[in-house]
Amino acid sequence: MIRHMSYALANLPKLARFLRSLDEQIILSDYASFWGAVGEFDEFLRQDIWDVFFESAIGKMLEDASFKGGSDWDVHGFTVCDSDKFHFSVRSPKLPMVGRNVVDGPDSSARSIVSSMASPSVLSVVSDGPITFNRFRLPSNIDLDIFDPAIRLENLGSEDFEPWRRIDVHAPYETLEISTPHAGKCCIIELEMRASVSQRWEFDRETGEPVGAVLVSREAVIIRSMLEEISRFKYVEALGEVLGLLDHRDFNVRWMAVKCACALDRDSGVAALRRCLNDRHPYIRNASLSTLNAIGG
């Protein structure tokens, strides 16, 4: 379902129809459906189309002094269309990683980190000249929701892309990263499928070794924050709602709920740990067993 379509599409009916078609064709978690639906993306990689788009976008702000940008403008750029199946935006590359800015960005001091992208995308750069990208690849047979320190990220080398050229990124098993020093001066047009994985990975650039996993879902990050506050305040009255999260689809949220339950009430926490011995995710099962053994539960 399309949740938001920019007012700037009013004079671009063909592009609006294309986006509605995407919403009908894309099936969540089915990467093949995404690639089958984005075939016409190339047709909209033209300067004249985006001139019309931004004339409408900026014109509204100039005409109406009370208009503050609505759901279109944000700190990362301009949202063209937002659906529960994809996100289409025009923005500057705030991070070296090309993929849409994630909830928790890399530590700015970690200069050697390469971050995986959470979902496939098609994109193009608008610039004065070619932009260089580095491309990386993960083994296609791994489960990205299970952090495995034995996995290695493969560096496939660099490639130059001319302005307005379509670039396919077969994430989450492939990652594209801007390497050109002046890349901050370019603009990125990106159509990205909604992520079906719970986390993205960060790797050491030199060795390819994974160094950690980061939550992808904004919902999961918000829930984490809420559970941390509930734990700190020892708000036992919320125990029922916390235990209800043991059925959440995201394994990260399920484990956060277990930890919060343990902080609120020992008996409830032990019961949650025992229940999670049968969780569908191996991390939850192993962590529950280790915790029970440690506390003698």
Protein backbone atom coordinates (compact mmCIF):
# COMPACT_ATOMS: atom_id res chain seq x y z
CA MET A 1 0.00 0.00 0.00
CA ILE A 2 1.28 3.46 -0.87
CA ARG A 3 1.48 5.56 2.28
CA HIS A 4 2.71 8.76 0.71
CA MET A 5 3.12 10.14 -2.79
CA SER A 6 4.74 13.52 -3.27
CA TYR A 7 2.76 16.53 -4.36
CA ALA A 8 5.62 17.15 -6.84
CA LEU A 9 4.36 14.26 -9.00
CA ALA A 10 1.28 16.23 -10.02
CA ASN A 11 2.82 17.18 -13.38
CA LEU A 12 4.44 13.76 -13.94
CA PRO A 13 1.50 11.35 -14.37
CA LYS A 14 3.58 8.68 -16.11
CA LEU A 15 5.99 8.48 -13.18
CA ALA A 16 3.06 8.36 -10.75
CA ARG A 17 1.51 5.46 -12.70
CA PHE A 18 4.84 3.63 -12.63
CA LEU A 19 5.01 3.92 -8.85
CA ARG A 20 1.45 2.66 -8.43
CA SER A 21 2.31 -0.26 -10.67
CA LEU A 22 5.31 -1.07 -8.47
CA ASP A 23 3.07 -1.18 -5.45
CA GLU A 24 0.85 -3.73 -7.18
CA GLN A 25 3.65 -5.93 -8.51
CA ILE A 26 6.23 -6.10 -5.72
CA ILE A 27 5.81 -8.91 -3.22
CA LEU A 28 7.58 -8.43 0.10
CA SER A 29 10.60 -10.73 0.58
CA ASP A 30 10.38 -11.77 -3.09
CA TYR A 31 13.42 -10.17 -4.71
CA ALA A 32 12.47 -11.51 -8.14
CA SER A 33 9.22 -9.54 -8.01
CA PHE A 34 11.19 -6.34 -7.39
CA TRP A 35 13.48 -6.87 -10.37
CA GLY A 36 10.50 -7.79 -12.53
CA ALA A 37 8.71 -4.58 -11.60
CA VAL A 38 11.48 -1.98 -12.01
CA GLY A 39 12.15 -2.49 -15.73
CA GLU A 40 10.83 0.97 -16.67
CA PHE A 41 13.00 2.77 -14.11
CA ASP A 42 15.46 3.74 -16.86
CA GLU A 43 12.78 5.82 -18.62
CA PHE A 44 12.73 8.29 -15.75
CA LEU A 45 16.47 8.89 -15.59
CA ARG A 46 16.35 12.14 -17.55
CA GLN A 47 17.24 15.67 -16.55
CA ASP A 48 14.03 17.18 -17.99
CA ILE A 49 11.81 14.93 -15.85
CA TRP A 50 13.53 15.89 -12.62
CA ASP A 51 13.59 19.56 -13.59
CA VAL A 52 9.79 19.40 -13.71
CA PHE A 53 9.73 17.50 -10.43
CA PHE A 54 11.82 20.00 -8.48
CA GLU A 55 10.12 22.98 -10.09
CA SER A 56 6.90 21.69 -8.50
CA ALA A 57 8.60 20.70 -5.23
CA ILE A 58 10.34 24.01 -4.62
CA GLY A 59 7.59 26.07 -6.21
CA LYS A 60 5.08 24.98 -3.57
CA MET A 61 7.38 26.13 -0.79
CA LEU A 62 7.87 29.50 -2.46
CA GLU A 63 4.16 30.00 -3.14
CA ASP A 64 2.95 28.99 0.32
CA ALA A 65 4.91 30.53 3.18
CA SER A 66 3.11 28.29 5.70
CA PHE A 67 4.18 25.07 3.97
CA LYS A 68 7.05 23.39 5.82
CA GLY A 69 7.74 20.48 3.47
CA GLY A 70 5.19 18.03 4.80
CA SER A 71 6.17 14.36 4.47
CA ASP A 72 8.27 15.05 1.39
CA TRP A 73 11.28 16.93 2.72
CA ASP A 74 13.44 15.58 5.53
CA VAL A 75 17.04 15.82 6.67
CA HIS A 76 18.16 13.13 4.22
CA GLY A 77 16.55 14.56 1.10
CA PHE A 78 13.21 14.34 -0.67
CA THR A 79 10.74 11.43 -0.50
CA VAL A 80 9.12 10.89 -3.89
CA CYS A 81 6.99 7.94 -2.83
CA ASP A 82 6.76 5.77 0.28
CA SER A 83 5.06 2.38 0.21
CA ASP A 84 5.06 -0.62 2.53
CA LYS A 85 6.86 -2.36 -0.36
CA PHE A 86 9.42 0.25 -1.48
CA HIS A 87 10.91 3.67 -0.81
CA PHE A 88 11.72 6.14 -3.62
CA SER A 89 13.81 9.18 -2.81
CA VAL A 90 16.18 11.82 -4.12
CA ARG A 91 18.97 12.72 -1.77
CA SER A 92 22.61 13.49 -1.18
CA PRO A 93 24.94 10.71 -0.02
CA LYS A 94 25.21 11.59 3.64
CA LEU A 95 27.08 8.32 4.28
CA PRO A 96 29.68 6.67 2.03
CA MET A 97 27.24 3.76 1.73
CA VAL A 98 24.82 4.28 -1.15
CA GLY A 99 21.86 2.48 0.39
CA ARG A 100 19.19 4.42 2.22
CA ASN A 101 20.42 5.82 5.53
CA VAL A 102 19.87 3.22 8.22
CA VAL A 103 18.50 3.79 11.68
CA ASP A 104 21.84 3.44 13.42
CA GLY A 105 24.70 4.80 11.32
CA PRO A 106 28.27 3.54 11.62
CA ASP A 107 30.56 5.01 14.25
CA SER A 108 32.19 8.02 12.59
CA SER A 109 35.53 7.04 14.08
CA ALA A 110 35.42 3.61 12.42
CA ARG A 111 36.94 4.64 9.10
CA SER A 112 37.53 1.08 7.95
CA ILE A 113 33.92 -0.11 8.17
CA VAL A 114 31.91 -1.32 5.17
CA SER A 115 28.19 -1.68 5.82
CA SER A 116 25.93 -4.10 4.00
CA MET A 117 22.69 -2.87 2.45
CA ALA A 118 19.40 -4.32 3.67
CA SER A 119 17.46 -4.69 0.41
CA PRO A 120 17.83 -4.53 -3.39
CA SER A 121 17.68 -1.18 -5.13
CA VAL A 122 18.04 0.59 -8.46
CA LEU A 123 19.63 4.00 -8.46
CA SER A 124 21.37 6.66 -10.46
CA VAL A 125 23.64 9.58 -9.68
CA VAL A 126 23.25 13.13 -10.89
CA SER A 127 26.66 14.78 -11.07
CA ASP A 128 29.04 16.77 -13.24
CA GLY A 129 31.02 13.67 -14.20
CA PRO A 130 31.64 9.97 -13.49
CA ILE A 131 31.35 8.75 -9.91
CA THR A 132 33.42 5.80 -8.68
CA PHE A 133 31.84 3.06 -6.59
CA ASN A 134 33.23 0.06 -4.75
CA ARG A 135 31.19 -3.12 -4.98
CA PHE A 136 31.20 -5.87 -2.35
CA ARG A 137 29.55 -9.27 -2.15
CA LEU A 138 28.44 -11.75 0.51
CA PRO A 139 27.90 -15.49 -0.01
CA SER A 140 24.34 -15.95 -1.31
CA ASN A 141 23.66 -19.04 0.80
CA ILE A 142 23.93 -17.42 4.24
CA ASP A 143 21.08 -16.42 6.57
CA LEU A 144 21.57 -12.70 7.15
CA ASP A 145 19.51 -12.78 10.33
CA ILE A 146 22.11 -15.03 11.93
CA PHE A 147 25.37 -13.22 12.67
CA ASP A 148 28.23 -15.53 11.69
CA PRO A 149 31.81 -14.36 12.45
CA ALA A 150 33.16 -16.88 9.93
CA ILE A 151 31.56 -15.10 6.95
CA ARG A 152 33.77 -12.85 4.82
CA LEU A 153 32.85 -9.87 2.65
CA GLU A 154 34.42 -10.03 -0.82
CA ASN A 155 35.68 -6.84 -2.45
CA LEU A 156 34.79 -6.96 -6.16
CA GLY A 157 36.71 -3.79 -7.00
CA SER A 158 35.68 -0.36 -8.23
CA GLU A 159 33.66 0.84 -11.21
CA ASP A 160 32.94 4.27 -12.71
CA PHE A 161 29.34 5.24 -13.49
CA GLU A 162 28.32 8.13 -15.72
CA PRO A 163 25.56 10.51 -14.61
CA TRP A 164 21.99 9.27 -15.20
CA ARG A 165 23.09 5.67 -15.76
CA ARG A 166 21.01 2.99 -14.04
CA ILE A 167 22.86 1.07 -11.31
CA ASP A 168 21.48 -2.23 -9.97
CA VAL A 169 22.41 -3.30 -6.45
CA HIS A 170 21.50 -6.89 -5.65
CA ALA A 171 21.37 -6.38 -1.90
CA PRO A 172 21.27 -7.73 0.73
CA TYR A 173 24.02 -9.99 -0.66
CA GLU A 174 25.66 -7.15 -2.55
CA THR A 175 26.73 -3.71 -1.36
CA LEU A 176 27.68 -0.58 -3.27
CA GLU A 177 29.73 2.21 -1.72
CA ILE A 178 30.73 5.60 -3.08
CA SER A 179 34.51 5.98 -3.17
CA THR A 180 34.94 9.22 -5.10
CA PRO A 181 36.18 11.96 -2.75
CA HIS A 182 33.83 14.57 -4.18
CA ALA A 183 30.79 12.26 -4.07
CA GLY A 184 29.16 14.59 -1.58
CA LYS A 185 28.48 16.97 -4.46
CA CYS A 186 26.35 14.46 -6.33
CA CYS A 187 22.68 13.61 -5.95
CA ILE A 188 21.27 10.09 -5.72
CA ILE A 189 17.96 8.94 -7.17
CA GLU A 190 17.15 5.65 -5.44
CA LEU A 191 14.29 3.16 -5.59
CA GLU A 192 14.72 0.62 -2.79
CA MET A 193 12.67 -2.41 -1.87
CA ARG A 194 11.52 -2.63 1.74
CA ALA A 195 13.90 -4.71 3.81
CA SER A 196 12.88 -8.24 4.72
CA VAL A 197 15.97 -8.90 6.86
CA SER A 198 16.16 -7.80 10.50
CA GLN A 199 19.70 -6.49 10.47
CA ARG A 200 22.54 -5.34 8.30
CA TRP A 201 26.16 -6.25 8.89
CA GLU A 202 29.30 -4.16 9.28
CA PHE A 203 32.68 -5.45 8.09
CA ASP A 204 36.32 -4.57 8.47
CA ARG A 205 37.30 -3.08 5.12
CA GLU A 206 40.78 -4.60 5.08
CA THR A 207 40.02 -8.16 6.21
CA GLY A 208 36.38 -8.57 5.22
CA GLU A 209 35.62 -9.88 8.71
CA PRO A 210 32.21 -9.04 10.23
CA VAL A 211 32.47 -6.78 13.26
CA GLY A 212 28.82 -6.43 14.23
CA ALA A 213 25.17 -6.31 13.26
CA VAL A 214 22.87 -3.27 13.28
CA LEU A 215 19.08 -3.17 13.45
CA VAL A 216 17.41 -2.24 10.15
CA SER A 217 13.84 -1.71 11.33
CA ARG A 218 12.97 1.69 12.77
CA GLU A 219 10.18 -0.05 14.65
CA ALA A 220 12.70 -2.39 16.31
CA VAL A 221 14.89 0.54 17.35
CA ILE A 222 11.93 2.37 18.88
CA ILE A 223 10.83 -0.76 20.76
CA ARG A 224 14.37 -1.24 22.02
CA SER A 225 14.38 2.29 23.39
CA MET A 226 11.01 1.75 25.08
CA LEU A 227 12.09 -1.53 26.67
CA GLU A 228 15.31 0.02 27.94
CA GLU A 229 13.34 2.79 29.66
CA ILE A 230 10.85 0.29 31.12
CA SER A 231 13.78 -1.71 32.52
CA ARG A 232 15.48 1.35 33.98
CA PHE A 233 12.30 2.56 35.68
CA LYS A 234 11.39 -0.97 36.82
CA TYR A 235 7.89 -0.36 35.47
CA VAL A 236 6.46 -3.75 36.43
CA GLU A 237 2.97 -2.70 35.34
CA ALA A 238 4.16 -3.06 31.73
CA LEU A 239 5.17 -6.71 32.18
CA GLY A 240 2.14 -8.05 30.31
CA GLU A 241 2.84 -5.91 27.26
CA VAL A 242 6.54 -6.82 27.41
CA LEU A 243 5.74 -10.54 27.41
CA GLY A 244 3.43 -9.99 24.46
CA LEU A 245 6.50 -9.05 22.41
CA LEU A 246 7.81 -12.62 22.69
CA ASP A 247 5.72 -13.29 19.57
CA HIS A 248 7.15 -10.37 17.58
CA ARG A 249 8.33 -11.22 14.06
CA ASP A 250 11.77 -9.66 14.63
CA PHE A 251 14.04 -11.91 16.69
CA ASN A 252 15.91 -8.86 17.99
CA VAL A 253 12.70 -7.56 19.55
CA ARG A 254 11.90 -10.96 21.05
CA TRP A 255 15.27 -11.08 22.80
CA MET A 256 14.98 -7.48 24.03
CA ALA A 257 11.61 -8.43 25.54
CA VAL A 258 13.18 -11.40 27.33
CA LYS A 259 15.88 -9.19 28.84
CA CYS A 260 13.31 -6.62 29.92
CA ALA A 261 11.12 -9.31 31.52
CA CYS A 262 14.14 -10.58 33.46
CA ALA A 263 14.81 -7.07 34.72
CA LEU A 264 11.21 -6.59 35.86
CA ASP A 265 10.45 -9.93 37.48
CA ARG A 266 12.78 -12.90 37.93
CA ASP A 267 10.12 -15.60 37.76
CA SER A 268 8.54 -14.12 34.63
CA GLY A 269 11.99 -13.73 33.10
CA VAL A 270 12.89 -17.36 33.75
CA ALA A 271 9.57 -18.48 32.27
CA ALA A 272 10.27 -16.36 29.17
CA LEU A 273 13.75 -17.87 28.84
CA ARG A 274 12.35 -21.39 29.05
CA ARG A 275 9.75 -20.58 26.43
CA CYS A 276 12.45 -19.23 24.14
CA LEU A 277 14.35 -22.51 24.23
CA ASN A 278 11.96 -23.43 21.39
CA ASP A 279 12.27 -20.15 19.50
CA ARG A 280 12.63 -20.47 15.72
CA HIS A 281 15.84 -18.43 15.73
CA PRO A 282 19.05 -20.18 16.86
CA TYR A 283 20.44 -17.06 18.54
CA ILE A 284 17.41 -16.85 20.83
CA ARG A 285 17.57 -20.55 21.65
CA ASN A 286 21.32 -20.50 22.41
CA ALA A 287 21.19 -17.25 24.38
CA SER A 288 18.24 -18.51 26.44
CA LEU A 289 20.00 -21.76 27.28
CA SER A 290 23.23 -19.94 28.24
CA THR A 291 21.35 -17.49 30.45
CA LEU A 292 19.37 -20.21 32.19
CA ASN A 293 22.56 -22.13 32.90
CA ALA A 294 24.22 -18.99 34.25
CA ILE A 295 21.39 -18.11 36.66
CA GLY A 296 20.56 -21.69 37.59
CA GLY A 297 17.10 -21.49 36.15
